[in-house]
Amino acid sequence: MNISILMDFSPLLLVSPLTFWNWPTIETVPANAAEGSSDVLLRVHNSPENLRAYYWYKGKRAVESQLIALYVIATQHTRPGSVYSGREKIYPDASLLFQNVTKKDTGFYTLRTLTMDLHEELLDKPFITSNNSSPMEGKDSVALTCEPETPDTTYLWWINGRRAPDSDRLELSKDNRTLTLLRVTRNDTGNYECGTWNPVSANQSDPVTLNVLYGPDSPITSPPVSHFHPGDNVSLSCHAASNPPAQYSWLFNKRPQSFTQELFIPSVTANNSGSYTCLVHNSATGLTSSIVSESTSPLCPPLVNPLEP
């Protein structure tokens, strides 16, 4: 059964229910609300007892593209729809709450109910399988599959808590059950979840973390200066973006000096002038990067001419 209501804005938010004989009725609480500072509850009365789910849509028709949210009574689970803004909440009695109403909320709304005579099965909690949980950046692709495969089920995907976006590097199978990431980058690192729903049930998987291996990038050394005063204590530091963290080593005139990220040179002298190389290696990707810094002779102290007698 479908019930439509009209939300009108001029200048307050006014909600006028269209009620039907022998159907659930809708009460607007409050009847008038100011934009941006008030909540509006579309309170549903006289709902039938043999219901499985409620659907709320924006508009005069119950179409998937205008679904605000679905509420499954058996699991008390809410699945957001395409036009869900984060300000709507469905209660167990089918009432719909709008928080901080705005002018954009003006329009028709449709309530759809599903009864127990539908022959649909409650869905088990889904889980995700992956062909590669630690892919290499720019080299590997990853296929994530939502299990189990269930007939007449809609599959949805979330990345870091948000619906998977449209992207040239994201491909969905025909049934949406498999999400493929092409040529992964470090930005694909994060949590992936899948959801399943049918007219009487909805469920969501635990997150699966994708750990993209990358680097090392070209290292950066500091400080940038290439000459120092005699007697200075000097610390040369090297850094490169890498996952997992890289291993560092230093060469002086091509001879190994240190296997640390920082090279300490106490009380520099002219003998410390030369070529310093920072080597960075990622054991997971097998890649190595380096940077060479030239250090000139230390600055000599200024000459002081003795005073003439």
Protein backbone atom coordinates (compact mmCIF):
# COMPACT_ATOMS: atom_id res chain seq x y z
CA MET A 1 0.00 0.00 0.00
CA ASN A 2 1.26 3.51 -0.80
CA ILE A 3 0.43 6.73 1.04
CA SER A 4 1.49 10.15 -0.26
CA ILE A 5 1.93 13.35 1.72
CA LEU A 6 2.78 16.88 0.67
CA MET A 7 5.41 19.04 2.33
CA ASP A 8 4.95 22.70 1.41
CA PHE A 9 7.25 25.65 2.21
CA SER A 10 5.85 29.19 2.40
CA PRO A 11 7.77 30.44 4.42
CA LEU A 12 7.40 27.84 7.16
CA LEU A 13 7.56 24.12 6.50
CA LEU A 14 3.98 22.86 6.37
CA VAL A 15 3.21 19.17 6.12
CA SER A 16 -0.27 18.18 4.97
CA PRO A 17 -1.15 14.48 5.19
CA LEU A 18 -3.46 12.93 2.64
CA THR A 19 -5.28 10.23 4.56
CA PHE A 20 -7.19 7.27 3.20
CA TRP A 21 -10.14 5.42 4.65
CA ASN A 22 -9.07 2.22 6.36
CA TRP A 23 -5.40 2.98 5.64
CA PRO A 24 -2.70 4.19 8.03
CA THR A 25 -2.99 7.91 8.73
CA ILE A 26 -0.17 10.42 9.07
CA GLU A 27 0.08 13.20 11.63
CA THR A 28 2.59 16.03 11.22
CA VAL A 29 4.39 16.98 14.45
CA PRO A 30 4.65 19.93 14.65
CA ALA A 31 2.26 21.15 11.98
CA ASN A 32 4.49 24.18 11.28
CA ALA A 33 8.29 24.29 11.49
CA ALA A 34 10.89 26.94 10.74
CA GLU A 35 13.60 26.13 8.22
CA GLY A 36 16.94 24.96 9.57
CA SER A 37 16.06 24.97 13.26
CA SER A 38 13.25 22.45 13.67
CA ASP A 39 12.54 18.76 13.31
CA VAL A 40 9.38 17.40 11.69
CA LEU A 41 7.96 13.97 12.48
CA LEU A 42 5.58 12.28 10.07
CA ARG A 43 3.86 10.13 12.68
CA VAL A 44 2.08 7.08 11.29
CA HIS A 45 -1.08 5.80 13.01
CA ASN A 46 -3.02 2.56 12.53
CA SER A 47 -0.30 0.58 10.78
CA PRO A 48 -1.31 -3.03 10.02
CA GLU A 49 0.29 -5.65 12.25
CA ASN A 50 1.26 -8.08 9.50
CA LEU A 51 4.00 -5.92 7.95
CA ARG A 52 7.57 -6.83 7.10
CA ALA A 53 9.07 -3.55 5.93
CA TYR A 54 8.49 0.16 5.37
CA TYR A 55 9.78 2.21 2.45
CA TRP A 56 9.80 6.03 2.35
CA TYR A 57 10.24 7.75 -1.02
CA LYS A 58 10.53 11.38 -2.06
CA GLY A 59 7.91 12.11 -4.70
CA LYS A 60 4.50 10.80 -5.69
CA ARG A 61 5.75 7.40 -6.84
CA ALA A 62 7.57 4.52 -5.17
CA VAL A 63 10.64 4.32 -7.42
CA GLU A 64 14.06 3.03 -6.37
CA SER A 65 15.89 6.18 -7.53
CA GLN A 66 13.85 8.26 -5.05
CA LEU A 67 14.12 5.92 -2.06
CA ILE A 68 14.95 7.72 1.19
CA ALA A 69 15.30 4.59 3.31
CA LEU A 70 14.00 1.07 3.91
CA TYR A 71 13.22 -0.20 7.41
CA VAL A 72 13.09 -3.98 7.97
CA ILE A 73 10.92 -4.81 10.97
CA ALA A 74 12.35 -8.27 11.76
CA THR A 75 15.95 -7.04 12.03
CA GLN A 76 15.22 -3.37 12.95
CA HIS A 77 17.72 -2.47 10.25
CA THR A 78 17.56 0.70 8.16
CA ARG A 79 19.07 0.79 4.68
CA PRO A 80 19.65 4.29 3.30
CA GLY A 81 18.42 4.94 -0.24
CA SER A 82 19.60 7.11 -3.12
CA VAL A 83 18.15 10.37 -1.77
CA TYR A 84 18.97 9.80 1.90
CA SER A 85 20.58 12.98 3.27
CA GLY A 86 21.58 11.77 6.73
CA ARG A 87 18.84 13.85 8.37
CA GLU A 88 16.07 11.27 8.07
CA LYS A 89 15.23 8.48 10.53
CA ILE A 90 12.56 5.77 10.30
CA TYR A 91 11.06 4.49 13.54
CA PRO A 92 9.66 0.97 14.14
CA ASP A 93 6.09 2.28 13.75
CA ALA A 94 6.95 3.60 10.23
CA SER A 95 7.08 7.24 11.34
CA LEU A 96 9.65 9.34 9.49
CA LEU A 97 11.68 12.05 11.24
CA PHE A 98 13.24 14.98 9.37
CA GLN A 99 15.99 16.71 11.35
CA ASN A 100 16.75 20.41 10.77
CA VAL A 101 14.25 20.75 7.93
CA THR A 102 15.22 22.90 4.94
CA LYS A 103 13.48 24.28 1.90
CA LYS A 104 14.84 21.33 -0.09
CA ASP A 105 12.53 19.06 1.93
CA THR A 106 9.50 20.64 0.26
CA GLY A 107 7.54 18.19 -1.89
CA PHE A 108 5.56 14.96 -1.95
CA TYR A 109 6.55 11.88 0.06
CA THR A 110 5.32 8.33 -0.38
CA LEU A 111 5.14 5.58 2.25
CA ARG A 112 5.13 2.01 0.97
CA THR A 113 4.46 -1.00 3.19
CA LEU A 114 5.15 -4.69 2.60
CA THR A 115 3.02 -7.41 4.15
CA MET A 116 3.86 -10.88 5.42
CA ASP A 117 2.47 -12.67 2.37
CA LEU A 118 5.67 -12.01 0.40
CA HIS A 119 7.74 -15.15 -0.03
CA GLU A 120 11.14 -13.65 0.71
CA GLU A 121 13.87 -15.07 2.92
CA LEU A 122 15.71 -13.18 5.66
CA LEU A 123 19.29 -12.67 4.54
CA ASP A 124 22.30 -13.93 6.46
CA LYS A 125 25.05 -11.48 7.32
CA PRO A 126 27.28 -11.17 4.23
CA PHE A 127 31.06 -11.36 4.18
CA ILE A 128 33.73 -10.27 1.70
CA THR A 129 36.34 -12.41 -0.03
CA SER A 130 39.32 -10.91 -1.85
CA ASN A 131 41.75 -12.27 -4.41
CA ASN A 132 44.51 -10.00 -3.05
CA SER A 133 44.37 -8.14 0.27
CA SER A 134 47.83 -6.55 -0.10
CA PRO A 135 48.18 -5.45 -3.75
CA MET A 136 51.03 -3.39 -5.16
CA GLU A 137 50.38 0.16 -6.35
CA GLY A 138 50.13 0.62 -10.11
CA LYS A 139 50.61 -3.10 -10.75
CA ASP A 140 47.80 -5.16 -9.23
CA SER A 141 44.01 -5.19 -9.52
CA VAL A 142 41.77 -6.45 -6.72
CA ALA A 143 38.41 -8.25 -6.93
CA LEU A 144 36.20 -8.08 -3.82
CA THR A 145 33.20 -10.42 -3.77
CA CYS A 146 30.19 -10.21 -1.48
CA GLU A 147 29.26 -13.67 -0.18
CA PRO A 148 27.07 -15.66 -0.19
CA GLU A 149 25.44 -15.50 -3.60
CA THR A 150 21.68 -15.27 -3.01
CA PRO A 151 18.90 -15.11 -5.62
CA ASP A 152 16.76 -11.98 -5.88
CA THR A 153 19.16 -9.95 -3.75
CA THR A 154 20.50 -6.44 -4.29
CA TYR A 155 24.19 -5.88 -3.47
CA LEU A 156 25.67 -2.54 -2.38
CA TRP A 157 29.23 -1.39 -1.65
CA TRP A 158 30.75 1.14 0.75
CA ILE A 159 34.33 2.47 0.85
CA ASN A 160 35.43 4.03 4.15
CA GLY A 161 31.79 4.38 5.18
CA ARG A 162 30.58 6.00 1.95
CA ARG A 163 28.78 4.53 -1.03
CA ALA A 164 31.27 3.40 -3.68
CA PRO A 165 31.61 6.27 -6.19
CA ASP A 166 31.54 6.12 -9.97
CA SER A 167 35.13 5.78 -11.17
CA ASP A 168 37.03 4.58 -14.23
CA ARG A 169 39.01 2.30 -11.93
CA LEU A 170 36.01 0.70 -10.23
CA GLU A 171 34.07 -2.03 -12.01
CA LEU A 172 30.96 -3.80 -10.76
CA SER A 173 29.79 -7.19 -11.97
CA LYS A 174 26.36 -7.36 -13.59
CA ASP A 175 24.74 -8.34 -10.29
CA ASN A 176 26.89 -5.86 -8.27
CA ARG A 177 28.23 -8.76 -6.20
CA THR A 178 31.87 -8.27 -7.23
CA LEU A 179 33.71 -4.95 -7.01
CA THR A 180 36.97 -4.78 -8.97
CA LEU A 181 39.59 -2.10 -8.36
CA LEU A 182 41.79 -1.61 -11.42
CA ARG A 183 45.44 -0.60 -11.04
CA VAL A 184 45.19 0.15 -7.34
CA THR A 185 46.82 3.25 -5.87
CA ARG A 186 47.71 4.10 -2.29
CA ASN A 187 44.48 6.12 -2.12
CA ASP A 188 42.54 2.84 -2.36
CA THR A 189 43.80 1.83 1.09
CA GLY A 190 40.89 1.62 3.52
CA ASN A 191 37.83 -0.28 4.70
CA TYR A 192 35.42 -1.95 2.27
CA GLU A 193 31.93 -3.19 3.18
CA CYS A 194 29.14 -4.81 1.22
CA GLY A 195 25.43 -4.85 1.94
CA THR A 196 22.60 -7.12 0.84
CA TRP A 197 18.87 -6.51 0.82
CA ASN A 198 15.58 -7.85 -0.43
CA PRO A 199 12.06 -6.59 0.28
CA VAL A 200 12.02 -8.08 3.78
CA SER A 201 15.63 -8.05 4.94
CA ALA A 202 18.83 -6.04 4.87
CA ASN A 203 22.28 -6.75 6.24
CA GLN A 204 25.83 -5.45 6.06
CA SER A 205 29.22 -7.14 6.23
CA ASP A 206 32.07 -6.45 8.59
CA PRO A 207 34.71 -4.19 7.01
CA VAL A 208 37.62 -5.67 5.10
CA THR A 209 40.80 -3.59 5.04
CA LEU A 210 42.68 -3.22 1.77
CA ASN A 211 46.39 -2.63 2.40
CA VAL A 212 48.02 -1.21 -0.74
CA LEU A 213 51.80 -1.61 -0.90
CA TYR A 214 53.73 1.29 -2.43
CA GLY A 215 57.05 3.07 -2.54
CA PRO A 216 59.52 4.04 -1.65
CA ASP A 217 59.02 7.42 -3.31
CA SER A 218 62.03 9.61 -4.10
CA PRO A 219 63.63 10.37 -0.73
CA ILE A 220 64.09 13.84 0.70
CA THR A 221 67.06 14.74 2.87
CA SER A 222 67.37 17.48 5.45
CA PRO A 223 68.83 19.89 6.29
CA PRO A 224 69.20 21.19 2.74
CA VAL A 225 72.42 23.12 3.35
CA SER A 226 75.56 21.56 1.91
CA HIS A 227 78.28 23.15 4.02
CA PHE A 228 78.85 23.53 7.72
CA HIS A 229 81.24 25.24 10.09
CA PRO A 230 84.17 23.22 11.42
CA GLY A 231 83.30 21.65 14.74
CA ASP A 232 79.55 21.58 14.06
CA ASN A 233 77.60 18.49 15.00
CA VAL A 234 75.53 17.56 11.93
CA SER A 235 72.49 15.28 11.65
CA LEU A 236 71.40 14.30 8.13
CA SER A 237 67.87 12.91 7.92
CA CYS A 238 66.23 11.01 5.06
CA HIS A 239 62.53 10.35 4.47
CA ALA A 240 60.50 8.59 1.75
CA ALA A 241 56.79 7.70 1.63
CA SER A 242 56.49 3.92 1.74
CA ASN A 243 54.16 1.11 2.83
CA PRO A 244 55.32 -0.83 4.69
CA PRO A 245 57.87 1.60 6.21
CA ALA A 246 61.13 1.57 4.31
CA GLN A 247 64.60 0.51 5.41
CA TYR A 248 67.28 3.22 5.30
CA SER A 249 71.04 3.24 4.86
CA TRP A 250 73.70 5.89 4.26
CA LEU A 251 76.82 5.84 2.08
CA PHE A 252 79.70 8.30 2.25
CA ASN A 253 81.72 8.41 -0.97
CA LYS A 254 80.05 5.06 -1.82
CA ARG A 255 81.15 3.45 1.45
CA PRO A 256 78.51 2.22 3.95
CA GLN A 257 78.16 4.43 7.01
CA SER A 258 74.88 3.75 8.79
CA PHE A 259 71.75 1.59 8.51
CA THR A 260 69.48 4.17 10.09
CA GLN A 261 67.20 6.94 8.84
CA GLU A 262 69.45 9.58 10.39
CA LEU A 263 73.21 9.97 9.97
CA PHE A 264 75.02 11.78 12.79
CA ILE A 265 78.39 13.42 12.12
CA PRO A 266 80.06 14.81 15.25
CA SER A 267 82.43 17.78 15.00
CA VAL A 268 82.75 17.99 11.20
CA THR A 269 86.09 18.60 9.54
CA ALA A 270 87.30 18.90 5.96
CA ASN A 271 87.55 15.11 5.90
CA ASN A 272 83.74 14.96 6.02
CA SER A 273 83.38 16.71 2.65
CA GLY A 274 82.13 14.48 -0.15
CA SER A 275 79.16 12.59 -1.52
CA TYR A 276 76.41 11.38 0.84
CA THR A 277 73.88 8.87 -0.52
CA CYS A 278 70.65 7.88 1.19
CA LEU A 279 69.36 4.47 0.08
CA VAL A 280 65.73 3.56 0.75
CA HIS A 281 64.40 0.03 0.27
CA ASN A 282 60.91 -1.50 0.59
CA SER A 283 61.19 -5.24 1.20
CA ALA A 284 57.52 -5.84 0.28
CA THR A 285 57.58 -4.11 -3.12
CA GLY A 286 61.24 -4.93 -3.77
CA LEU A 287 61.85 -1.33 -4.89
CA THR A 288 64.80 0.87 -3.96
CA SER A 289 65.23 4.62 -4.27
CA SER A 290 68.14 6.92 -3.52
CA ILE A 291 69.30 10.51 -3.36
CA VAL A 292 72.84 11.91 -3.45
CA SER A 293 73.87 15.07 -1.61
CA GLU A 294 77.21 16.77 -2.08
CA SER A 295 78.82 18.36 0.94
CA THR A 296 81.53 20.96 0.31
CA SER A 297 84.41 21.68 2.64
CA PRO A 298 83.39 23.12 5.98
CA LEU A 299 83.47 26.90 6.18
CA CYS A 300 86.69 28.19 7.66
CA PRO A 301 86.51 30.67 10.52
CA PRO A 302 87.10 34.30 9.44
CA LEU A 303 90.72 35.52 9.46
CA VAL A 304 91.56 38.19 12.03
CA ASN A 305 94.40 40.55 11.12
CA PRO A 306 96.57 41.53 14.09
CA LEU A 307 96.67 45.23 14.92
CA GLU A 308 99.72 47.09 13.75
CA PRO A 309 101.89 48.29 16.59
